[in-house]
Protein backbone atom coordinates (compact mmCIF):
# COMPACT_ATOMS: atom_id res chain seq x y z
CA MET A 1 50.24 -15.41 17.53
CA ALA A 2 48.21 -16.34 20.65
CA LEU A 3 46.68 -13.49 22.61
CA PRO A 4 47.48 -13.24 26.31
CA VAL A 5 44.61 -14.11 28.63
CA GLY A 6 44.09 -10.41 29.46
CA GLY A 7 43.88 -9.60 25.77
CA VAL A 8 41.28 -12.26 25.13
CA ALA A 9 39.15 -10.96 28.00
CA LYS A 10 39.44 -7.42 26.70
CA LEU A 11 38.48 -8.50 23.18
CA MET A 12 35.41 -10.39 24.52
CA SER A 13 34.50 -7.32 26.66
CA THR A 14 34.72 -5.07 23.60
CA ASP A 15 32.49 -7.43 21.52
CA SER A 16 29.93 -7.51 24.31
CA GLU A 17 29.84 -3.75 24.64
CA ALA A 18 29.44 -3.40 20.88
CA GLU A 19 26.58 -5.94 20.92
CA ARG A 20 24.83 -4.13 23.80
CA ALA A 21 25.22 -0.83 22.01
CA ALA A 22 23.68 -2.29 18.86
CA LEU A 23 20.79 -3.76 20.83
CA ASP A 24 20.31 -0.47 22.66
CA ALA A 25 20.20 1.46 19.41
CA TYR A 26 17.67 -0.99 17.98
CA SER A 27 15.53 -0.74 21.11
CA GLN A 28 15.65 2.99 21.03
CA VAL A 29 14.37 3.04 17.48
CA VAL A 30 11.50 0.62 18.22
CA THR A 31 10.51 2.33 21.46
CA GLY A 32 10.60 5.72 19.75
CA VAL A 33 8.40 4.52 16.91
CA ALA A 34 5.98 3.00 19.41
CA GLU A 35 5.76 6.17 21.45
CA ARG A 36 5.09 8.21 18.31
CA VAL A 37 2.53 5.93 16.53
CA LEU A 38 0.66 4.12 19.32
CA PRO A 39 -1.54 7.13 20.33
CA SER A 40 -2.75 7.32 16.70
CA VAL A 41 -3.81 3.69 16.40
CA ALA A 42 -7.24 2.45 17.42
CA ALA A 43 -8.77 -0.92 18.04
CA LEU A 44 -11.86 -1.42 15.97
CA SER A 45 -14.99 -3.44 16.78
CA VAL A 46 -17.52 -3.86 14.00
CA ARG A 47 -20.75 -5.76 13.70
CA THR A 48 -22.53 -6.77 10.56
CA ALA A 49 -25.34 -9.12 9.55
CA ARG A 50 -22.71 -11.93 9.43
CA GLY A 51 -21.49 -11.27 12.94
CA GLY A 52 -18.83 -9.22 14.73
CA GLY A 53 -15.29 -8.48 13.72
CA ALA A 54 -12.20 -6.64 14.88
CA GLY A 55 -9.26 -4.84 13.41
CA SER A 56 -7.15 -1.77 13.70
CA ALA A 57 -7.10 1.76 12.27
CA VAL A 58 -4.75 4.71 12.06
CA THR A 59 -5.77 8.35 12.62
CA PHE A 60 -4.32 10.52 9.87
CA THR A 61 -6.10 13.91 10.31
CA ASP A 62 -6.76 16.20 13.23
CA ASP A 63 -10.49 16.03 12.65
CA GLY A 64 -10.93 12.32 13.19
CA PHE A 65 -10.37 10.55 9.85
CA LEU A 66 -8.94 7.09 10.20
CA LEU A 67 -7.40 4.75 7.61
CA THR A 68 -7.96 0.93 7.86
CA SER A 69 -8.30 -2.12 5.61
CA ALA A 70 -11.51 -2.42 3.55
CA HIS A 71 -11.96 -6.04 4.53
CA VAL A 72 -12.13 -5.07 8.20
CA VAL A 73 -15.34 -3.04 7.65
CA THR A 74 -16.93 -5.05 4.84
CA GLY A 75 -20.68 -4.97 5.27
CA ALA A 76 -20.51 -2.42 8.16
CA THR A 77 -21.63 1.15 8.29
CA GLY A 78 -19.91 1.95 11.58
CA GLY A 79 -18.52 0.54 14.83
CA THR A 80 -16.48 1.40 17.90
CA ALA A 81 -12.90 2.69 17.96
CA THR A 82 -10.88 2.48 21.22
CA PHE A 83 -7.58 4.29 21.58
CA GLY A 84 -4.72 3.49 23.94
CA ASP A 85 -5.48 6.46 26.27
CA GLY A 86 -8.93 5.01 26.96
CA LEU A 87 -10.95 7.11 24.52
CA GLU A 88 -13.77 5.12 23.08
CA THR A 89 -15.85 6.53 20.22
CA ARG A 90 -18.26 5.48 17.54
CA PHE A 91 -17.11 5.76 13.98
CA ASP A 92 -18.83 5.87 10.64
CA VAL A 93 -17.49 4.24 7.46
CA VAL A 94 -16.89 7.10 5.05
CA GLY A 95 -15.93 4.91 2.11
CA ALA A 96 -14.19 1.65 1.26
CA ASP A 97 -12.35 0.46 -1.86
CA PRO A 98 -12.05 -3.33 -1.93
CA LEU A 99 -9.77 -3.24 -4.98
CA SER A 100 -7.07 -1.51 -2.98
CA ASP A 101 -8.18 -2.92 0.41
CA LEU A 102 -8.35 0.54 1.91
CA ALA A 103 -11.16 2.27 3.77
CA VAL A 104 -11.65 5.67 5.48
CA LEU A 105 -13.55 6.05 8.72
CA ARG A 106 -14.69 9.14 10.63
CA ALA A 107 -14.58 9.16 14.43
CA GLN A 108 -17.44 10.90 16.19
CA ALA A 109 -15.08 12.06 18.98
CA THR A 110 -11.68 13.47 18.14
CA GLY A 111 -8.53 13.94 20.13
CA ALA A 112 -6.20 11.28 18.92
CA PRO A 113 -3.04 12.79 17.32
CA PRO A 114 -2.67 12.09 13.60
CA ALA A 115 0.12 9.88 12.47
CA GLU A 116 2.49 11.17 9.82
CA LEU A 117 2.06 9.39 6.51
CA GLY A 118 5.30 8.55 4.75
CA ASP A 119 6.17 7.25 1.26
CA ALA A 120 6.69 3.55 0.77
CA ASP A 121 8.35 4.14 -2.61
CA GLY A 122 11.55 4.97 -0.67
CA LEU A 123 11.71 1.63 1.25
CA ARG A 124 14.52 -0.72 0.75
CA ILE A 125 14.74 -4.52 1.40
CA GLY A 126 16.26 -5.10 4.83
CA GLN A 127 15.07 -1.82 6.26
CA LEU A 128 13.66 -1.84 9.81
CA VAL A 129 9.85 -1.50 10.13
CA VAL A 130 7.51 -1.52 13.08
CA ALA A 131 3.92 -2.92 13.07
CA VAL A 132 1.45 -1.33 15.44
CA GLY A 133 -1.99 -2.75 15.93
CA ASN A 134 -4.36 -4.80 18.00
CA PRO A 135 -3.80 -8.51 17.20
CA MET A 136 -6.03 -11.15 18.83
CA GLY A 137 -7.69 -8.43 20.92
CA LEU A 138 -4.38 -7.39 22.50
CA ALA A 139 -4.57 -3.61 22.27
CA GLY A 140 -1.51 -1.52 21.56
CA SER A 141 0.77 -4.37 20.38
CA VAL A 142 4.08 -3.55 18.70
CA THR A 143 6.22 -5.90 16.65
CA ALA A 144 9.42 -5.12 14.71
CA GLY A 145 11.11 -6.61 11.69
CA VAL A 146 12.48 -5.81 8.31
CA VAL A 147 11.17 -5.26 4.86
CA SER A 148 11.42 -8.80 3.39
CA GLY A 149 10.25 -7.91 -0.12
CA LEU A 150 8.81 -5.20 -2.26
CA ARG A 151 6.44 -4.99 -5.22
CA ARG A 152 4.58 -8.13 -4.25
CA SER A 153 0.98 -8.58 -5.60
CA ILE A 154 -2.10 -10.01 -3.94
CA PRO A 155 -5.54 -10.48 -5.53
CA ALA A 156 -8.48 -8.41 -4.41
CA ARG A 157 -12.14 -9.01 -5.33
CA ASP A 158 -15.10 -6.62 -5.51
CA GLY A 159 -18.07 -8.60 -6.61
CA ARG A 160 -17.05 -10.14 -9.92
CA ALA A 161 -14.13 -7.74 -10.52
CA VAL A 162 -10.69 -9.07 -9.63
CA ARG A 163 -7.62 -6.83 -9.48
CA LEU A 164 -4.17 -7.20 -8.22
CA ILE A 165 -3.10 -4.90 -5.41
CA ASP A 166 0.43 -4.22 -6.53
CA ASP A 167 3.54 -2.87 -4.94
CA VAL A 168 2.57 -4.62 -1.61
CA ILE A 169 5.15 -4.60 1.15
CA GLN A 170 6.28 -7.97 2.58
CA THR A 171 7.58 -7.89 6.15
CA ASP A 172 8.66 -10.46 8.79
CA ALA A 173 7.24 -8.22 11.51
CA ALA A 174 4.74 -10.55 13.18
CA LEU A 175 1.13 -9.90 12.05
CA ASN A 176 -1.96 -11.72 13.42
CA PRO A 177 -5.71 -11.44 13.08
CA GLY A 178 -6.69 -7.99 14.34
CA ASN A 179 -3.55 -6.35 12.93
CA SER A 180 -5.28 -5.60 9.68
CA GLY A 181 -5.80 -1.88 9.25
CA GLY A 182 -2.94 -1.08 11.65
CA ALA A 183 0.22 0.85 10.95
CA LEU A 184 3.45 -0.29 9.38
CA ALA A 185 5.90 2.45 10.22
CA ASP A 186 9.53 3.21 9.29
CA SER A 187 12.24 3.98 11.82
CA ALA A 188 11.23 7.65 11.87
CA GLY A 189 7.65 6.78 12.90
CA ARG A 190 6.16 7.61 9.49
CA VAL A 191 3.35 5.23 8.41
CA VAL A 192 4.52 3.66 5.18
CA GLY A 193 1.91 0.89 4.98
CA VAL A 194 -1.49 -0.41 6.13
CA ASN A 195 -1.24 -3.99 7.38
CA THR A 196 -3.67 -6.01 5.32
CA ALA A 197 -3.01 -9.73 5.40
CA VAL A 198 -1.17 -12.66 6.93
CA ALA A 199 0.13 -14.90 4.21
CA GLY A 200 1.69 -17.49 6.54
CA TYR A 201 3.93 -17.94 9.54
CA GLY A 202 6.55 -15.23 9.63
CA LEU A 203 5.17 -13.51 6.64
CA GLY A 204 3.02 -10.32 6.67
CA LEU A 205 1.83 -7.94 3.95
CA ALA A 206 0.91 -4.27 3.97
CA VAL A 207 -0.66 -1.94 1.35
CA PRO A 208 1.88 0.80 0.72
CA ILE A 209 1.31 4.49 1.39
CA ASN A 210 2.47 6.23 -1.83
CA SER A 211 1.16 8.65 -4.44
CA THR A 212 -1.35 6.14 -5.79
CA THR A 213 -2.90 5.19 -2.46
CA ARG A 214 -2.91 8.90 -1.41
CA GLN A 215 -5.09 9.51 -4.41
CA ILE A 216 -7.40 6.66 -3.39
CA VAL A 217 -7.64 7.95 0.21
CA GLY A 218 -8.44 11.46 -1.18
CA GLU A 219 -11.22 10.06 -3.37
CA LEU A 220 -12.68 8.20 -0.44
CA VAL A 221 -12.61 11.28 1.69
CA SER A 222 -14.15 13.53 -1.04
CA ASN A 223 -16.51 11.19 -2.86
CA ARG A 224 -16.96 8.19 -0.43
CA ARG A 225 -15.94 5.90 -3.26
CA VAL A 226 -13.12 5.52 -5.73
CA ARG A 227 -13.94 6.28 -9.34
CA ARG A 228 -11.80 4.36 -11.79
CA ALA A 229 -11.13 5.02 -15.44
CA TRP A 230 -10.69 2.49 -18.21
CA LEU A 231 -9.13 2.36 -21.65
CA GLY A 232 -10.55 -0.97 -22.89
CA VAL A 233 -7.31 -2.75 -23.59
CA ALA A 234 -5.82 -6.05 -22.36
CA GLY A 235 -2.03 -6.62 -22.61
CA VAL A 236 0.81 -8.84 -21.70
CA PRO A 237 4.40 -7.83 -20.85
CA LEU A 238 6.85 -8.04 -23.71
CA PRO A 239 10.63 -7.53 -23.80
CA LEU A 240 11.67 -4.54 -25.92
CA PRO A 241 14.30 -4.80 -28.66
CA PRO A 242 17.75 -4.14 -27.00
CA ALA A 243 18.43 -0.93 -28.86
CA LEU A 244 15.05 0.53 -28.02
CA ALA A 245 15.32 -0.71 -24.41
CA GLU A 246 18.67 1.08 -24.01
CA ARG A 247 17.35 4.22 -25.66
CA LEU A 248 14.33 4.42 -23.36
CA ASN A 249 15.97 2.96 -20.36
CA GLN A 250 13.04 0.51 -20.20
CA LYS A 251 13.27 -3.27 -20.66
CA MET A 252 9.57 -4.15 -21.08
CA GLY A 253 6.46 -2.88 -22.73
CA LEU A 254 2.80 -3.98 -22.71
CA ARG A 255 1.75 -5.82 -25.84
CA VAL A 256 -1.91 -5.22 -26.64
CA VAL A 257 -3.80 -8.49 -27.14
CA GLU A 258 -7.37 -7.17 -26.96
CA VAL A 259 -9.07 -3.86 -27.71
CA VAL A 260 -12.74 -3.52 -26.78
CA PRO A 261 -14.72 -2.13 -29.69
CA GLY A 262 -15.84 1.40 -29.18
CA SER A 263 -13.60 1.76 -26.09
CA PRO A 264 -11.45 4.85 -25.41
CA ALA A 265 -8.46 2.94 -26.72
CA GLY A 266 -10.32 1.75 -29.84
CA VAL A 267 -11.56 5.30 -30.54
CA ALA A 268 -8.07 6.74 -30.07
CA GLY A 269 -6.49 4.31 -32.52
CA ILE A 270 -4.69 1.67 -30.43
CA TYR A 271 -4.58 -1.67 -32.34
CA LEU A 272 -3.87 -5.30 -31.60
CA GLY A 273 -0.19 -5.92 -31.65
CA ASP A 274 0.74 -2.43 -30.57
CA VAL A 275 3.20 -2.30 -27.68
CA ILE A 276 2.36 0.31 -25.12
CA LEU A 277 5.55 1.98 -23.91
CA SER A 278 4.24 4.91 -21.85
CA ALA A 279 1.07 6.69 -20.82
CA GLY A 280 0.84 10.17 -19.46
CA GLY A 281 4.63 10.38 -19.71
CA ARG A 282 5.15 7.35 -17.42
CA PRO A 283 6.71 4.06 -18.46
CA VAL A 284 4.28 1.14 -18.86
CA SER A 285 5.69 -2.30 -18.60
CA THR A 286 2.98 -4.17 -16.74
CA VAL A 287 -0.83 -4.17 -16.56
CA GLN A 288 -0.46 -2.87 -12.99
CA ALA A 289 1.51 0.11 -14.20
CA LEU A 290 -1.33 1.04 -16.48
CA GLN A 291 -4.00 0.40 -13.84
CA ARG A 292 -2.19 2.84 -11.48
CA LEU A 293 -3.02 5.65 -13.88
CA MET A 294 -6.69 4.73 -14.11
CA LEU A 295 -8.00 6.67 -11.07
CA GLY A 296 -10.65 9.40 -10.87
CA PRO A 297 -8.46 12.35 -12.09
CA ALA A 298 -7.86 10.43 -15.42
CA ILE A 299 -11.56 10.30 -16.29
CA GLY A 300 -12.40 12.50 -19.24
CA THR A 301 -8.91 13.99 -19.50
CA ARG A 302 -6.30 13.68 -22.30
CA LEU A 303 -3.98 10.82 -21.72
CA PRO A 304 -1.09 10.68 -24.29
CA VAL A 305 -0.02 7.11 -25.03
CA THR A 306 3.16 6.13 -26.93
CA VAL A 307 3.15 2.76 -28.63
CA LEU A 308 5.57 0.73 -30.71
CA ARG A 309 3.96 -0.22 -34.02
CA LYS A 310 5.78 -2.09 -36.76
CA GLY A 311 9.14 -0.75 -35.45
CA ALA A 312 8.05 2.87 -35.24
CA LEU A 313 7.03 4.99 -32.26
CA VAL A 314 3.52 6.27 -32.59
CA ASP A 315 1.83 8.78 -30.26
CA VAL A 316 -1.95 8.66 -29.73
CA VAL A 317 -4.19 10.65 -27.38
CA THR A 318 -6.72 8.73 -25.39
CA ILE A 319 -9.55 9.99 -23.18
CA PRO A 320 -10.26 7.45 -20.48
CA ALA A 321 -13.89 6.92 -19.57
CA GLU A 322 -15.32 6.08 -16.15
CA LEU A 323 -15.39 2.38 -15.37
CA GLY A 324 -18.93 1.05 -15.10
CA ARG A 325 -20.56 3.86 -17.05
């Protein structure tokens, strides 16, 4: 049945109003996040023996601690931070961790409000996120987009050591040089990531704020470096037998392909061919899952490990040692 002309006009008017309402709601969210986060974000200027550099940082405490990307301050001991209200202050590099691409700074003058740190583990693909930073020297820039992907991995290098930064957030919010170290915020204005890289046109990445990175930040504040533990095993993911997978609610384990002689794993009795199922009560299905447990608090403490050995579940107790010692 054909609608009368008046009915068509009314339908079009209703669609337009709904569209405007949706755009207004979107705009309100983005402007609200910008108003909440922008005062906490600084533009960084650093100078090293190799020349000058720039980036962004996020204030996360009342007493002037800022969070940024480690690669922004590589080779620098300090620099200048400029906030949107015109405050300009020197900062010192407290500590940097290239293997997570995170660094903590301390501003010499305080006054910027701290941003609220959120939890990236609750993010969902398609969720609205807002990037706040200083790309291309354009201070206080805001871009919006969605979470395009989760649990991405990017390589990070510290000297000869190479490690994957895991659980990285992928977003289509526009990121450009200078955005690194800036905030990736959710719709409530909570910082859920630190923008760290531009992988290509329309593709940005951010290191998540979660329990692991909070530990790293805490180590940098307290010790100026991140101590890491090691077990001395190398492994590859392996599918578990269906019955065991259903029983444990876990599809994969980590098959041990190397045990360093005299290492904590070797001393504890982990052998080649064992399949690591859990460590410290947490499921282990990838190398990254095991690495997440190897932070400072694990050094010298008992870490129960459950392995699958010749069809049987075996519990061993390891005591991780400090990496590099």
